[in-house]
N, C-alpha and C. Protein backbone atom coordinates (compact mmCIF):
# COMPACT_ATOMS: atom_id res chain seq x y z
N MET A 1 -126.13 231.58 155.99
CA MET A 1 -125.43 232.51 155.89
C MET A 1 -124.16 232.29 155.07
N LYS A 2 -123.75 233.41 154.15
CA LYS A 2 -122.53 232.91 153.51
C LYS A 2 -121.60 233.85 154.09
N PRO A 3 -120.33 233.16 153.84
CA PRO A 3 -118.96 233.85 154.43
C PRO A 3 -118.80 235.02 153.72
N VAL A 4 -118.13 236.02 154.58
CA VAL A 4 -117.87 237.27 153.99
C VAL A 4 -116.83 237.16 152.83
N PHE A 5 -115.85 236.39 153.04
CA PHE A 5 -114.91 236.21 151.88
C PHE A 5 -115.17 234.88 151.35
N ALA A 6 -115.67 235.10 150.07
CA ALA A 6 -115.87 234.02 149.28
C ALA A 6 -114.60 233.47 148.57
N ARG A 7 -114.44 232.28 148.37
CA ARG A 7 -113.43 231.65 147.89
C ARG A 7 -113.67 231.74 146.41
N ARG A 8 -112.39 232.41 145.59
CA ARG A 8 -112.50 232.48 144.29
C ARG A 8 -111.73 231.18 143.57
N LEU A 9 -112.23 230.79 142.56
CA LEU A 9 -111.60 229.77 141.78
C LEU A 9 -110.15 229.95 141.32
N GLN A 10 -109.20 229.28 141.47
CA GLN A 10 -107.99 229.70 141.06
C GLN A 10 -107.93 229.08 139.60
N ARG A 11 -107.29 229.89 138.60
CA ARG A 11 -107.27 229.45 137.23
C ARG A 11 -105.72 229.11 136.81
N GLY A 12 -104.84 229.33 137.50
CA GLY A 12 -103.37 229.01 137.28
C GLY A 12 -102.78 229.55 135.93
N ILE A 13 -103.15 230.80 135.74
CA ILE A 13 -102.45 231.27 134.37
C ILE A 13 -101.06 232.02 134.64
N ALA A 14 -100.73 231.85 135.72
CA ALA A 14 -99.28 232.50 135.99
C ALA A 14 -98.45 231.52 135.77
N LEU A 15 -98.57 230.43 135.81
CA LEU A 15 -97.57 229.21 135.50
C LEU A 15 -97.46 228.93 134.27
N PRO A 16 -98.46 228.98 133.13
CA PRO A 16 -98.02 229.10 131.78
C PRO A 16 -97.26 230.29 131.15
N VAL A 17 -97.44 231.38 131.77
CA VAL A 17 -96.82 232.58 131.32
C VAL A 17 -95.37 232.52 131.73
N MET A 18 -95.23 232.05 132.93
CA MET A 18 -93.73 231.94 133.44
C MET A 18 -93.02 231.06 132.66
N LEU A 19 -93.51 229.84 132.10
CA LEU A 19 -92.97 228.83 131.44
C LEU A 19 -92.21 229.29 130.08
N ILE A 20 -93.59 230.13 129.44
CA ILE A 20 -93.19 230.94 128.29
C ILE A 20 -91.92 231.92 128.38
N LEU A 21 -91.98 232.51 129.52
CA LEU A 21 -90.81 233.54 129.47
C LEU A 21 -89.76 233.01 129.78
N LEU A 22 -89.45 231.76 130.53
CA LEU A 22 -88.25 230.91 130.71
C LEU A 22 -87.93 230.31 129.55
N ALA A 23 -88.47 229.94 128.72
CA ALA A 23 -88.38 229.40 127.27
C ALA A 23 -87.82 230.40 126.38
N VAL A 24 -88.25 231.62 126.33
CA VAL A 24 -87.90 232.79 125.57
C VAL A 24 -86.31 233.09 126.07
N MET A 25 -86.30 233.00 127.38
CA MET A 25 -84.68 233.55 128.09
C MET A 25 -84.03 232.39 127.60
N LEU A 26 -84.29 231.19 127.70
CA LEU A 26 -83.34 230.20 127.26
C LEU A 26 -82.92 230.27 125.87
N VAL A 27 -83.88 230.44 124.86
CA VAL A 27 -83.47 230.63 123.47
C VAL A 27 -82.59 231.76 123.43
N GLY A 28 -82.72 233.10 124.01
CA GLY A 28 -82.01 234.11 124.01
C GLY A 28 -80.85 233.92 124.48
N THR A 29 -80.49 233.06 125.56
CA THR A 29 -79.21 232.75 126.14
C THR A 29 -78.38 232.08 125.26
N VAL A 30 -79.18 231.02 124.50
CA VAL A 30 -78.44 230.20 123.41
C VAL A 30 -78.00 231.21 122.39
N TYR A 31 -78.71 231.84 121.93
CA TYR A 31 -78.26 232.76 120.76
C TYR A 31 -77.24 233.57 121.03
N LEU A 32 -77.40 234.11 122.30
CA LEU A 32 -76.27 235.04 122.75
C LEU A 32 -74.87 234.41 122.91
N PHE A 33 -74.95 233.05 123.31
CA PHE A 33 -73.85 232.39 123.37
C PHE A 33 -73.17 231.93 122.20
N LYS A 34 -74.07 231.69 121.12
CA LYS A 34 -73.52 231.38 119.80
C LYS A 34 -72.92 232.65 118.98
N SER A 35 -73.56 233.79 119.35
CA SER A 35 -73.28 234.97 118.64
C SER A 35 -71.75 235.39 119.21
N SER A 36 -71.62 235.55 120.58
CA SER A 36 -70.38 235.55 121.14
C SER A 36 -69.14 234.80 120.65
N HIS A 37 -69.64 233.41 120.61
CA HIS A 37 -68.50 232.45 120.26
C HIS A 37 -68.12 232.74 118.64
N SER A 38 -69.06 233.03 117.82
CA SER A 38 -68.69 233.39 116.51
C SER A 38 -67.87 234.61 116.46
N SER A 39 -68.28 235.84 117.21
CA SER A 39 -67.53 236.85 117.33
C SER A 39 -66.05 236.54 117.44
N THR A 40 -65.84 235.86 118.76
CA THR A 40 -64.56 235.58 119.18
C THR A 40 -63.77 234.70 117.93
N LEU A 41 -64.44 233.78 117.42
CA LEU A 41 -63.78 233.18 116.33
C LEU A 41 -63.34 234.10 115.22
N THR A 42 -64.35 234.97 114.77
CA THR A 42 -63.98 235.77 113.71
C THR A 42 -62.76 236.68 114.10
N ALA A 43 -62.96 237.33 115.32
CA ALA A 43 -61.70 238.26 115.73
C ALA A 43 -60.34 237.34 115.74
N ALA A 44 -60.46 236.13 116.34
CA ALA A 44 -59.16 235.43 116.07
C ALA A 44 -58.55 235.17 114.79
N ASN A 45 -59.59 234.84 113.87
CA ASN A 45 -59.16 234.77 112.36
C ASN A 45 -58.83 235.79 111.93
N LEU A 46 -59.33 237.11 112.11
CA LEU A 46 -58.85 238.24 111.61
C LEU A 46 -57.35 238.55 112.16
N ALA A 47 -57.19 238.56 113.34
CA ALA A 47 -55.82 238.62 113.97
C ALA A 47 -54.69 237.69 113.34
N TYR A 48 -55.20 236.51 113.03
CA TYR A 48 -54.20 235.52 112.49
C TYR A 48 -53.99 236.04 110.87
N GLU A 49 -55.03 236.39 110.24
CA GLU A 49 -54.71 236.88 108.82
C GLU A 49 -53.74 238.12 108.77
N SER A 50 -53.95 239.12 109.89
CA SER A 50 -53.16 240.38 110.03
C SER A 50 -51.80 239.83 110.23
N ALA A 51 -51.68 238.86 111.09
CA ALA A 51 -50.07 238.14 111.54
C ALA A 51 -49.29 237.86 110.08
N GLN A 52 -50.45 237.09 109.31
CA GLN A 52 -49.91 236.19 108.07
C GLN A 52 -49.34 237.38 107.20
N SER A 53 -50.23 238.48 107.07
CA SER A 53 -49.94 239.61 105.98
C SER A 53 -48.83 240.44 106.31
N LYS A 54 -48.47 240.49 107.71
CA LYS A 54 -47.23 241.16 108.14
C LYS A 54 -45.98 240.31 107.92
N ALA A 55 -46.20 239.04 108.06
CA ALA A 55 -45.14 238.04 107.80
C ALA A 55 -44.66 238.04 106.24
N VAL A 56 -45.83 238.04 105.36
CA VAL A 56 -45.60 238.32 104.03
C VAL A 56 -44.91 239.73 103.66
N ASP A 57 -45.30 240.79 104.40
CA ASP A 57 -44.62 241.93 104.13
C ASP A 57 -42.98 241.86 104.31
N PHE A 58 -42.61 240.94 105.26
CA PHE A 58 -41.06 240.80 105.30
C PHE A 58 -40.55 240.54 103.90
N GLY A 59 -41.14 239.41 103.26
CA GLY A 59 -40.63 239.17 101.93
C GLY A 59 -40.64 240.35 100.86
N LEU A 60 -41.68 241.27 101.15
CA LEU A 60 -41.67 242.42 100.25
C LEU A 60 -40.58 243.13 100.41
N HIS A 61 -40.28 243.60 101.77
CA HIS A 61 -39.31 244.45 102.19
C HIS A 61 -37.82 243.91 101.93
N THR A 62 -37.73 242.72 102.04
CA THR A 62 -36.50 242.10 101.62
C THR A 62 -36.24 242.23 100.10
N ALA A 63 -37.06 242.07 99.19
CA ALA A 63 -37.07 242.18 97.91
C ALA A 63 -36.74 243.69 97.48
N PHE A 64 -37.49 244.59 98.13
CA PHE A 64 -37.51 246.05 97.99
C PHE A 64 -35.95 246.38 98.21
N GLU A 65 -35.47 245.98 99.43
CA GLU A 65 -33.94 246.59 99.78
C GLU A 65 -33.03 245.90 98.75
N TRP A 66 -33.18 244.65 98.36
CA TRP A 66 -32.23 244.22 97.05
C TRP A 66 -32.36 245.09 96.08
N LEU A 67 -33.42 245.09 95.60
CA LEU A 67 -33.98 246.10 94.31
C LEU A 67 -33.22 247.21 94.36
N SER A 68 -33.61 248.09 95.47
CA SER A 68 -33.40 249.53 95.52
C SER A 68 -31.66 249.48 95.50
N GLY A 69 -31.20 248.64 96.24
CA GLY A 69 -29.74 248.68 96.39
C GLY A 69 -29.01 248.26 95.02
N GLN A 70 -29.49 247.39 94.23
CA GLN A 70 -28.82 247.11 93.01
C GLN A 70 -29.09 248.07 92.06
N ALA A 71 -30.41 248.97 92.14
CA ALA A 71 -30.61 250.18 91.19
C ALA A 71 -29.54 251.31 91.66
N LYS A 72 -29.03 251.21 92.79
CA LYS A 72 -28.11 252.28 93.21
C LYS A 72 -26.91 251.80 92.70
N THR A 73 -26.29 250.62 92.77
CA THR A 73 -24.96 250.20 92.49
C THR A 73 -24.78 249.93 91.01
N ASP A 74 -25.65 249.00 90.59
CA ASP A 74 -25.50 248.56 89.03
C ASP A 74 -26.74 248.51 88.20
N LYS A 75 -27.51 249.57 87.94
CA LYS A 75 -28.73 249.56 87.39
C LYS A 75 -28.83 248.62 86.00
N SER A 76 -27.62 248.71 85.43
CA SER A 76 -27.80 247.79 84.01
C SER A 76 -27.84 246.46 84.30
N ALA A 77 -27.63 246.02 85.47
CA ALA A 77 -27.66 244.40 85.54
C ALA A 77 -29.07 244.03 85.88
N LEU A 78 -30.07 245.19 86.00
CA LEU A 78 -31.43 244.87 86.01
C LEU A 78 -32.00 244.54 84.83
N GLU A 79 -31.34 244.86 83.67
CA GLU A 79 -31.73 244.50 82.29
C GLU A 79 -31.91 242.92 82.06
N HIS A 80 -31.36 241.90 82.87
CA HIS A 80 -31.19 240.66 82.60
C HIS A 80 -31.68 239.95 83.84
N ASN A 81 -32.06 238.68 83.94
CA ASN A 81 -32.46 237.98 85.16
C ASN A 81 -31.33 237.66 86.06
N ILE A 82 -31.79 237.77 87.39
CA ILE A 82 -30.82 237.59 88.41
C ILE A 82 -31.52 236.45 89.38
N ALA A 83 -31.09 235.10 88.87
CA ALA A 83 -31.97 233.98 89.46
C ALA A 83 -31.65 234.00 90.88
N ALA A 84 -30.47 234.28 91.57
CA ALA A 84 -30.04 234.12 93.10
C ALA A 84 -30.97 234.92 93.87
N GLN A 85 -31.34 236.12 93.22
CA GLN A 85 -32.23 237.06 94.06
C GLN A 85 -33.90 236.95 93.61
N GLY A 86 -34.10 236.15 92.67
CA GLY A 86 -35.65 236.01 92.47
C GLY A 86 -36.12 237.11 91.62
N TYR A 87 -35.06 237.61 90.91
CA TYR A 87 -35.29 238.69 89.90
C TYR A 87 -35.49 238.27 88.36
N GLN A 88 -36.66 238.51 87.80
CA GLN A 88 -36.97 238.34 86.46
C GLN A 88 -37.00 239.61 85.62
N ALA A 89 -36.21 239.74 84.76
CA ALA A 89 -36.26 241.10 83.65
C ALA A 89 -37.36 241.34 83.01
N THR A 90 -38.46 240.20 82.77
CA THR A 90 -39.53 240.50 82.07
C THR A 90 -40.84 239.93 82.85
N LEU A 91 -41.98 240.32 82.44
CA LEU A 91 -43.23 239.83 83.15
C LEU A 91 -44.26 239.43 81.99
N ASP A 92 -44.37 238.05 82.05
CA ASP A 92 -45.31 237.54 81.21
C ASP A 92 -46.72 237.78 81.56
N THR A 93 -47.43 238.42 80.87
CA THR A 93 -48.92 238.97 81.37
C THR A 93 -49.80 237.93 81.19
N SER A 94 -49.51 236.82 80.73
CA SER A 94 -50.47 235.81 80.52
C SER A 94 -50.67 234.76 82.00
N GLN A 95 -49.52 235.13 82.65
CA GLN A 95 -49.43 234.33 83.95
C GLN A 95 -50.05 235.15 85.02
N THR A 96 -50.47 234.54 86.05
CA THR A 96 -51.26 235.24 87.17
C THR A 96 -50.36 234.63 88.35
N VAL A 97 -50.81 235.05 89.65
CA VAL A 97 -50.06 234.50 91.01
C VAL A 97 -50.48 233.23 91.06
N ARG A 98 -51.43 232.73 90.52
CA ARG A 98 -52.00 231.41 90.71
C ARG A 98 -51.19 230.57 89.84
N SER A 99 -50.50 230.98 88.85
CA SER A 99 -49.79 230.16 87.79
C SER A 99 -48.41 229.62 88.29
N SER A 100 -48.09 228.46 88.19
CA SER A 100 -46.76 228.11 88.72
C SER A 100 -45.77 228.68 87.87
N GLY A 101 -45.78 229.03 86.75
CA GLY A 101 -44.77 229.71 85.92
C GLY A 101 -44.44 231.20 86.38
N PHE A 102 -45.37 231.85 87.03
CA PHE A 102 -45.26 233.19 87.53
C PHE A 102 -44.17 233.11 88.58
N TRP A 103 -44.05 231.94 89.37
CA TRP A 103 -43.04 231.99 90.63
C TRP A 103 -41.91 231.24 90.10
N ASN A 104 -41.41 231.14 88.74
CA ASN A 104 -40.29 230.52 88.33
C ASN A 104 -38.93 231.46 88.95
N GLY A 105 -37.99 231.05 89.31
CA GLY A 105 -36.80 231.76 89.84
C GLY A 105 -37.21 232.49 91.31
N SER A 106 -38.17 232.06 91.86
CA SER A 106 -38.61 232.70 93.17
C SER A 106 -37.47 232.25 94.27
N VAL A 107 -37.41 233.10 95.30
CA VAL A 107 -36.42 232.91 96.36
C VAL A 107 -37.35 232.75 97.76
N THR A 108 -36.81 232.01 98.62
CA THR A 108 -37.68 231.86 99.92
C THR A 108 -36.78 232.33 100.88
N VAL A 109 -37.23 233.17 101.81
CA VAL A 109 -36.83 233.76 103.08
C VAL A 109 -37.68 233.56 104.41
N THR A 110 -36.86 233.46 105.46
CA THR A 110 -37.36 233.01 106.80
C THR A 110 -37.42 234.38 107.65
N ASP A 111 -38.58 234.59 108.25
CA ASP A 111 -38.56 235.81 109.18
C ASP A 111 -38.29 235.34 110.40
N ALA A 112 -38.06 236.09 111.48
CA ALA A 112 -37.85 235.71 112.84
C ALA A 112 -38.64 234.84 113.32
N ALA A 113 -40.06 234.85 112.96
CA ALA A 113 -40.82 233.79 113.87
C ALA A 113 -40.68 232.43 113.08
N GLY A 114 -39.86 232.22 111.91
CA GLY A 114 -39.83 231.06 111.28
C GLY A 114 -40.64 230.71 110.21
N ASN A 115 -41.36 231.81 109.59
CA ASN A 115 -42.29 231.82 108.69
C ASN A 115 -41.47 231.80 107.40
N GLU A 116 -42.00 230.99 106.47
CA GLU A 116 -41.11 230.80 105.05
C GLU A 116 -41.83 231.60 104.05
N ILE A 117 -41.32 232.68 103.41
CA ILE A 117 -42.11 233.64 102.61
C ILE A 117 -41.22 233.60 101.21
N GLU A 118 -42.06 233.29 100.25
CA GLU A 118 -41.46 232.98 98.95
C GLU A 118 -41.90 234.49 98.24
N TYR A 119 -40.75 235.15 97.38
CA TYR A 119 -40.94 236.21 96.57
C TYR A 119 -40.25 236.00 95.31
N VAL A 120 -40.83 236.88 94.56
CA VAL A 120 -40.29 237.00 93.20
C VAL A 120 -40.24 238.54 92.56
N VAL A 121 -39.39 239.05 91.69
CA VAL A 121 -39.33 240.37 91.44
C VAL A 121 -39.55 240.38 89.97
N HIS A 122 -40.31 241.03 89.30
CA HIS A 122 -40.54 241.11 87.95
C HIS A 122 -40.30 242.64 87.32
N ARG A 123 -39.58 242.85 86.29
CA ARG A 123 -39.47 244.12 85.80
C ARG A 123 -40.64 243.97 84.69
N MET A 124 -41.43 245.09 84.60
CA MET A 124 -42.42 245.12 83.82
C MET A 124 -42.27 245.30 82.31
N CYS A 125 -41.39 244.44 81.66
CA CYS A 125 -41.03 244.70 80.43
C CYS A 125 -41.30 243.25 79.55
N ALA A 126 -41.37 243.54 78.27
CA ALA A 126 -41.68 242.34 77.35
C ALA A 126 -40.69 241.49 77.24
N VAL A 127 -39.56 242.00 77.10
CA VAL A 127 -38.36 241.23 76.73
C VAL A 127 -37.10 241.60 77.77
N THR A 128 -36.02 240.77 77.86
CA THR A 128 -34.92 241.43 78.48
C THR A 128 -34.06 242.35 77.79
N GLY A 129 -33.11 243.09 78.23
CA GLY A 129 -32.36 243.92 77.42
C GLY A 129 -32.83 245.43 78.00
N ALA A 130 -32.10 246.50 77.43
CA ALA A 130 -32.29 247.79 77.73
C ALA A 130 -33.90 248.15 77.40
N TYR A 131 -34.46 248.91 78.31
CA TYR A 131 -35.89 249.23 78.25
C TYR A 131 -35.98 250.27 76.98
N ASP A 132 -34.94 250.82 76.39
CA ASP A 132 -35.34 251.87 75.17
C ASP A 132 -34.78 251.28 74.00
N SER A 133 -34.82 249.89 73.93
CA SER A 133 -34.35 249.32 72.70
C SER A 133 -35.87 249.29 71.74
N GLY A 134 -35.55 249.19 70.66
CA GLY A 134 -36.71 249.38 69.55
C GLY A 134 -37.58 248.25 69.88
N THR A 135 -37.06 246.97 70.22
CA THR A 135 -37.78 245.91 70.45
C THR A 135 -38.42 245.46 71.88
N ASN A 136 -38.11 246.43 72.89
CA ASN A 136 -38.54 246.20 74.10
C ASN A 136 -39.75 247.25 74.41
N ARG A 137 -40.94 246.65 75.19
CA ARG A 137 -41.89 247.46 75.53
C ARG A 137 -41.89 247.36 77.17
N CYS A 138 -41.75 248.40 77.80
CA CYS A 138 -41.71 248.28 79.44
C CYS A 138 -42.78 249.47 79.90
N VAL A 139 -43.49 249.20 81.06
CA VAL A 139 -44.36 250.07 81.55
C VAL A 139 -43.44 251.07 82.29
N GLN A 140 -43.70 252.35 81.98
CA GLN A 140 -42.93 253.53 82.41
C GLN A 140 -43.85 254.66 82.74
N THR A 141 -43.43 255.28 83.67
CA THR A 141 -43.97 256.47 84.04
C THR A 141 -43.04 257.74 83.83
N SER A 142 -43.71 258.80 83.06
CA SER A 142 -42.62 259.80 82.91
C SER A 142 -42.71 260.83 84.27
N ALA A 143 -41.84 261.70 84.03
CA ALA A 143 -41.68 262.62 85.46
C ALA A 143 -42.96 263.37 85.56
N ASN A 144 -43.55 263.83 86.75
CA ASN A 144 -44.49 264.47 86.96
C ASN A 144 -44.30 266.02 86.99
N THR A 145 -45.05 266.61 85.94
CA THR A 145 -44.59 268.11 85.91
C THR A 145 -45.81 269.13 86.08
N SER A 146 -46.71 268.26 86.73
CA SER A 146 -47.81 269.21 87.05
C SER A 146 -47.65 270.23 88.48
N THR A 147 -48.61 271.17 88.58
CA THR A 147 -48.32 272.04 89.88
C THR A 147 -49.57 271.90 90.55
N LEU A 148 -49.47 272.23 91.93
CA LEU A 148 -50.64 272.15 92.66
C LEU A 148 -51.10 273.66 93.06
N ASN A 149 -51.63 274.29 92.12
CA ASN A 149 -52.00 275.69 92.20
C ASN A 149 -50.84 276.55 92.73
N ASN A 150 -49.68 276.42 92.20
CA ASN A 150 -48.62 277.16 92.72
C ASN A 150 -47.58 277.15 91.37
N ALA A 151 -46.51 278.01 91.48
CA ALA A 151 -45.63 277.84 90.29
C ALA A 151 -44.71 276.82 90.38
N VAL A 152 -44.45 276.07 91.42
CA VAL A 152 -43.61 274.90 91.43
C VAL A 152 -44.15 273.69 91.23
N ALA A 153 -43.55 272.88 90.22
CA ALA A 153 -43.90 271.58 89.79
C ALA A 153 -43.67 270.56 90.88
N LEU A 154 -44.55 269.53 91.12
CA LEU A 154 -44.43 268.41 91.95
C LEU A 154 -42.77 267.90 91.85
N GLY A 155 -42.23 267.69 93.01
CA GLY A 155 -40.73 267.32 92.91
C GLY A 155 -39.62 268.21 92.73
N ASP A 156 -40.12 269.48 92.42
CA ASP A 156 -39.23 270.55 92.28
C ASP A 156 -38.97 271.19 93.61
N SER A 157 -37.89 271.96 93.54
CA SER A 157 -37.45 272.76 94.95
C SER A 157 -37.83 274.37 94.72
N LEU A 158 -37.99 274.91 95.97
CA LEU A 158 -38.13 276.43 95.77
C LEU A 158 -36.87 277.22 96.04
N ALA A 159 -35.79 276.28 96.15
CA ALA A 159 -34.54 277.05 96.35
C ALA A 159 -34.23 277.50 94.85
N SER A 160 -33.22 278.89 94.79
CA SER A 160 -32.99 279.21 93.60
C SER A 160 -31.71 278.69 93.04
N ASP A 161 -31.00 278.06 93.84
CA ASP A 161 -29.66 277.48 93.44
C ASP A 161 -29.66 275.73 93.25
N THR A 162 -30.90 275.22 93.12
CA THR A 162 -30.93 273.79 92.96
C THR A 162 -30.93 273.45 91.53
N PRO A 163 -30.36 272.54 91.04
CA PRO A 163 -30.25 272.15 89.51
C PRO A 163 -31.63 271.66 89.11
N SER A 164 -31.93 271.91 87.95
CA SER A 164 -33.34 271.65 87.37
C SER A 164 -32.86 270.47 86.54
N PHE A 165 -33.46 269.26 86.80
CA PHE A 165 -33.30 267.97 86.10
C PHE A 165 -34.51 267.96 85.23
N ALA A 166 -34.09 267.27 83.95
CA ALA A 166 -35.01 266.81 83.06
C ALA A 166 -35.62 265.49 83.37
N GLY A 167 -36.93 265.24 83.29
CA GLY A 167 -37.65 264.10 84.03
C GLY A 167 -37.03 263.06 83.19
N SER A 168 -36.48 261.85 83.71
CA SER A 168 -36.21 260.58 83.10
C SER A 168 -37.44 259.58 83.55
N PRO A 169 -37.84 258.77 82.33
CA PRO A 169 -38.78 257.79 82.84
C PRO A 169 -38.70 256.84 83.91
N GLN A 170 -39.55 256.47 84.52
CA GLN A 170 -39.34 255.48 85.58
C GLN A 170 -40.03 253.92 85.21
N LEU A 171 -39.26 253.10 85.44
CA LEU A 171 -39.62 251.93 85.10
C LEU A 171 -40.36 251.18 86.29
N HIS A 172 -41.32 250.22 85.87
CA HIS A 172 -42.12 249.79 86.87
C HIS A 172 -41.57 248.25 87.21
N TYR A 173 -41.42 247.92 88.47
CA TYR A 173 -41.23 246.52 89.08
C TYR A 173 -42.36 246.22 89.88
N VAL A 174 -42.52 244.84 89.85
CA VAL A 174 -43.66 244.23 90.71
C VAL A 174 -42.94 243.33 91.59
N ILE A 175 -43.12 243.45 92.76
CA ILE A 175 -42.64 242.42 93.89
C ILE A 175 -43.86 241.69 94.34
N THR A 176 -43.80 240.49 94.20
CA THR A 176 -44.95 239.49 94.83
C THR A 176 -44.35 238.54 95.92
N ALA A 177 -44.99 238.45 96.95
CA ALA A 177 -44.73 237.64 98.17
C ALA A 177 -45.83 236.85 98.47
N ARG A 178 -45.51 235.60 98.90
CA ARG A 178 -46.60 234.78 99.31
C ARG A 178 -46.25 233.99 100.34
N MET A 179 -47.26 233.32 101.21
CA MET A 179 -46.85 232.43 102.24
C MET A 179 -48.03 231.38 102.46
N SER A 180 -47.79 230.09 102.70
CA SER A 180 -48.67 229.20 102.91
C SER A 180 -48.65 228.84 104.37
N SER A 181 -49.83 228.90 105.17
CA SER A 181 -49.65 228.38 106.65
C SER A 181 -50.09 226.98 106.65
N ALA A 182 -50.03 226.63 107.92
CA ALA A 182 -50.48 225.20 108.36
C ALA A 182 -52.07 224.96 108.36
N ARG A 183 -52.61 226.25 108.66
CA ARG A 183 -54.07 226.13 108.51
C ARG A 183 -54.75 226.07 107.08
N GLY A 184 -53.76 226.12 106.11
CA GLY A 184 -54.29 226.02 104.81
C GLY A 184 -54.53 227.42 103.95
N SER A 185 -54.21 228.58 104.90
CA SER A 185 -54.58 229.65 104.22
C SER A 185 -53.39 230.08 103.44
N ASN A 186 -53.57 230.99 102.34
CA ASN A 186 -52.55 231.55 101.40
C ASN A 186 -52.61 232.95 101.51
N VAL A 187 -51.52 233.73 101.77
CA VAL A 187 -51.53 235.17 101.76
C VAL A 187 -50.52 235.53 100.57
N VAL A 188 -51.03 236.34 99.57
CA VAL A 188 -50.26 236.77 98.55
C VAL A 188 -50.54 238.54 98.76
N ASN A 189 -49.29 239.03 98.79
CA ASN A 189 -49.08 240.50 98.60
C ASN A 189 -48.32 241.07 97.61
N GLN A 190 -48.62 242.10 97.00
CA GLN A 190 -47.63 242.68 96.01
C GLN A 190 -47.41 244.36 96.25
N LEU A 191 -46.28 244.58 95.77
CA LEU A 191 -45.73 245.92 95.92
C LEU A 191 -45.15 246.43 94.34
N VAL A 192 -45.73 247.58 93.78
CA VAL A 192 -45.18 248.04 92.79
C VAL A 192 -44.24 249.24 93.03
N VAL A 193 -43.00 249.10 92.45
CA VAL A 193 -41.87 250.15 92.84
C VAL A 193 -41.71 250.84 91.34
N MET A 194 -41.24 251.93 91.40
CA MET A 194 -40.93 252.80 90.30
C MET A 194 -39.56 253.18 90.36
N ILE A 195 -38.58 252.71 89.59
CA ILE A 195 -37.05 253.29 89.49
C ILE A 195 -36.79 254.17 88.45
N GLY A 196 -36.18 255.10 88.51
CA GLY A 196 -35.72 255.99 87.26
C GLY A 196 -34.83 255.23 86.43
N ALA A 197 -35.12 255.43 85.16
CA ALA A 197 -34.30 254.61 84.20
C ALA A 197 -32.79 255.02 84.00
């Protein structure tokens, strides 16, 4: 007589399936760890770069404050180099920020965090001297007289008793600041300023 419950042969298919699933989970965990580590490094590098850029902006603001103050007190002094302030009355267009000649006469300032920022201010003219001399070529912008779908030009006032000034050209100045860090990164920021002649 045969037993009612016959023994079935065990094939062991569950063990290889579970081993494959565990291997897939292990590879996924390693990939997830590497991905999160890379994201953390990227975020840290972006934060560091942002802090460097803000530090360099301190040099831009320092130079801008000096330039705007000089333009208010003695604008004619801007026709010649002022070495103590990192000011050059000309811009050699054959030089780039990577050229050592571009940084001739630069000034170094230190911010509150102890970062040393180097800056230089260039007037965008071919030679020193007055911008309107026959031999000088300067980058200038004329006064904007366009209107925005109304009868008032940009920069004008709606008040009836305000004086109407003839537009004088605005000379362009470029302020360039840079900083080298201990990690080997270099940050260079530029600011273009227009000041009425």
